[in-house]
Amino acid sequence: MKTSPQKPAPYLIRGREGAKGREGNPGEPCGKRIDKALDLKLPDMKAEYDLSKMKSRRNPYASKLKKPVTMRLSEDVLAYFKSMAEDAGVPYQSLINLYLRDCLAQHRQVQIAWPSKP
């Protein structure tokens, strides 16, 4: 059974200036404005806004941002994480960050045993 495609609602029609619209001519926008399609009354935008009276505030996400660091890793360690990251489909830096975050969550302690000198 063959069905005919439904015509999308006017607010879903998208396009760019100069392209031939569904019912228009070249040079006319083929998309319809959403406020016209939905019959909304949007407030008019001012030409300029005075931002000098606004109060500044701290970024609430600043504490969650990642900090760039430079690390020296052994080639075999880097190859290991890059291989795992490729298999998982994530960037290797993110994988290293996830591993270190897991160490943090599990309260893992590094067991360092330096070889004793004879």
Protein backbone atom coordinates (compact mmCIF):
# COMPACT_ATOMS: atom_id res chain seq x y z
CA MET A 1 0.00 0.00 0.00
CA LYS A 2 1.49 3.29 -1.10
CA THR A 3 0.98 6.30 1.13
CA SER A 4 1.46 9.87 0.10
CA PRO A 5 3.81 11.92 2.25
CA GLN A 6 2.09 14.33 4.59
CA LYS A 7 2.82 17.98 4.25
CA PRO A 8 4.71 19.19 7.35
CA ALA A 9 3.26 21.83 9.59
CA PRO A 10 4.30 25.37 8.52
CA TYR A 11 6.55 25.84 11.54
CA LEU A 12 8.57 22.75 10.55
CA ILE A 13 9.38 23.94 7.04
CA ARG A 14 13.02 24.98 6.99
CA GLY A 15 15.23 26.42 4.31
CA ARG A 16 17.56 29.21 3.39
CA GLU A 17 17.31 32.45 1.50
CA GLY A 18 17.78 31.99 -2.21
CA ALA A 19 16.74 28.34 -2.30
CA LYS A 20 13.60 27.38 -4.13
CA GLY A 21 10.90 26.92 -1.52
CA ARG A 22 8.20 24.28 -1.51
CA GLU A 23 5.75 26.73 -2.98
CA GLY A 24 7.97 29.70 -3.67
CA ASN A 25 10.39 31.03 -6.22
CA PRO A 26 14.18 31.34 -6.08
CA GLY A 27 15.14 34.28 -3.91
CA GLU A 28 12.23 33.85 -1.52
CA PRO A 29 12.76 32.26 1.87
CA CYS A 30 11.32 28.77 1.88
CA GLY A 31 10.98 28.57 5.67
CA LYS A 32 8.14 30.22 7.51
CA ARG A 33 8.63 32.15 10.71
CA ILE A 34 7.52 30.17 13.70
CA ASP A 35 5.78 33.14 15.31
CA LYS A 36 3.67 33.65 12.18
CA ALA A 37 2.96 29.93 11.81
CA LEU A 38 1.85 29.57 15.43
CA ASP A 39 0.22 33.01 15.56
CA LEU A 40 2.37 34.09 18.51
CA LYS A 41 2.75 37.64 19.72
CA LEU A 42 6.47 38.04 20.40
CA PRO A 43 7.80 41.25 21.98
CA ASP A 44 9.79 43.54 19.73
CA MET A 45 13.56 43.51 20.22
CA LYS A 46 15.27 46.76 21.16
CA ALA A 47 18.06 48.05 18.95
CA GLU A 48 20.36 48.32 21.99
CA TYR A 49 20.29 47.09 25.57
CA ASP A 50 21.96 48.80 28.56
CA LEU A 51 23.98 46.06 30.26
CA SER A 52 25.85 48.42 32.60
CA LYS A 53 23.19 47.99 35.32
CA MET A 54 23.41 44.21 35.33
CA LYS A 55 24.96 42.54 38.37
CA SER A 56 27.82 40.19 37.66
CA ARG A 57 27.87 36.73 39.18
CA ARG A 58 30.22 33.79 39.27
CA ASN A 59 29.90 30.95 36.82
CA PRO A 60 28.06 28.19 38.73
CA TYR A 61 29.79 25.54 36.62
CA ALA A 62 33.34 26.86 37.13
CA SER A 63 34.14 24.30 39.81
CA LYS A 64 33.17 21.48 37.45
CA LEU A 65 35.36 22.59 34.57
CA LYS A 66 38.38 20.53 33.63
CA LYS A 67 41.83 21.97 34.04
CA PRO A 68 44.34 21.44 31.24
CA VAL A 69 47.56 19.79 32.42
CA THR A 70 50.74 18.55 30.79
CA MET A 71 51.81 15.03 31.71
CA ARG A 72 54.66 12.83 30.63
CA LEU A 73 53.41 9.29 30.04
CA SER A 74 55.32 6.23 28.93
CA GLU A 75 54.70 5.24 25.33
CA ASP A 76 53.26 1.86 26.33
CA VAL A 77 50.83 3.48 28.79
CA LEU A 78 49.70 5.97 26.18
CA ALA A 79 49.30 3.23 23.55
CA TYR A 80 47.26 1.18 26.04
CA PHE A 81 44.80 4.01 26.75
CA LYS A 82 44.60 5.04 23.09
CA SER A 83 43.76 1.46 22.10
CA MET A 84 41.10 1.16 24.81
CA ALA A 85 39.69 4.56 23.87
CA GLU A 86 39.45 3.62 20.20
CA ASP A 87 37.59 0.41 21.10
CA ALA A 88 35.23 2.36 23.37
CA GLY A 89 34.78 5.24 20.89
CA VAL A 90 35.86 7.98 23.28
CA PRO A 91 38.87 10.32 23.29
CA TYR A 92 41.83 8.84 25.16
CA GLN A 93 42.12 11.88 27.42
CA SER A 94 38.52 11.30 28.54
CA LEU A 95 39.29 7.64 29.20
CA ILE A 96 42.30 8.54 31.34
CA ASN A 97 40.13 11.07 33.21
CA LEU A 98 37.46 8.40 33.79
CA TYR A 99 40.06 5.96 35.09
CA LEU A 100 41.50 8.53 37.49
CA ARG A 101 38.00 9.53 38.61
CA ASP A 102 37.28 5.86 39.36
CA CYS A 103 40.48 5.69 41.41
CA LEU A 104 39.27 8.74 43.32
CA ALA A 105 35.80 7.26 43.92
CA GLN A 106 37.24 3.93 45.11
CA HIS A 107 39.85 5.62 47.34
CA ARG A 108 42.62 3.61 45.70
CA GLN A 109 46.09 4.12 47.11
CA VAL A 110 49.22 3.68 45.02
CA GLN A 111 51.49 0.92 46.31
CA ILE A 112 55.01 2.05 45.53
CA ALA A 113 57.87 -0.31 46.29
CA TRP A 114 61.23 1.15 45.36
CA PRO A 115 63.94 -1.42 44.81
CA SER A 116 66.40 -1.43 47.69
CA LYS A 117 70.04 -0.65 46.93
CA PRO A 118 72.52 -3.49 47.49
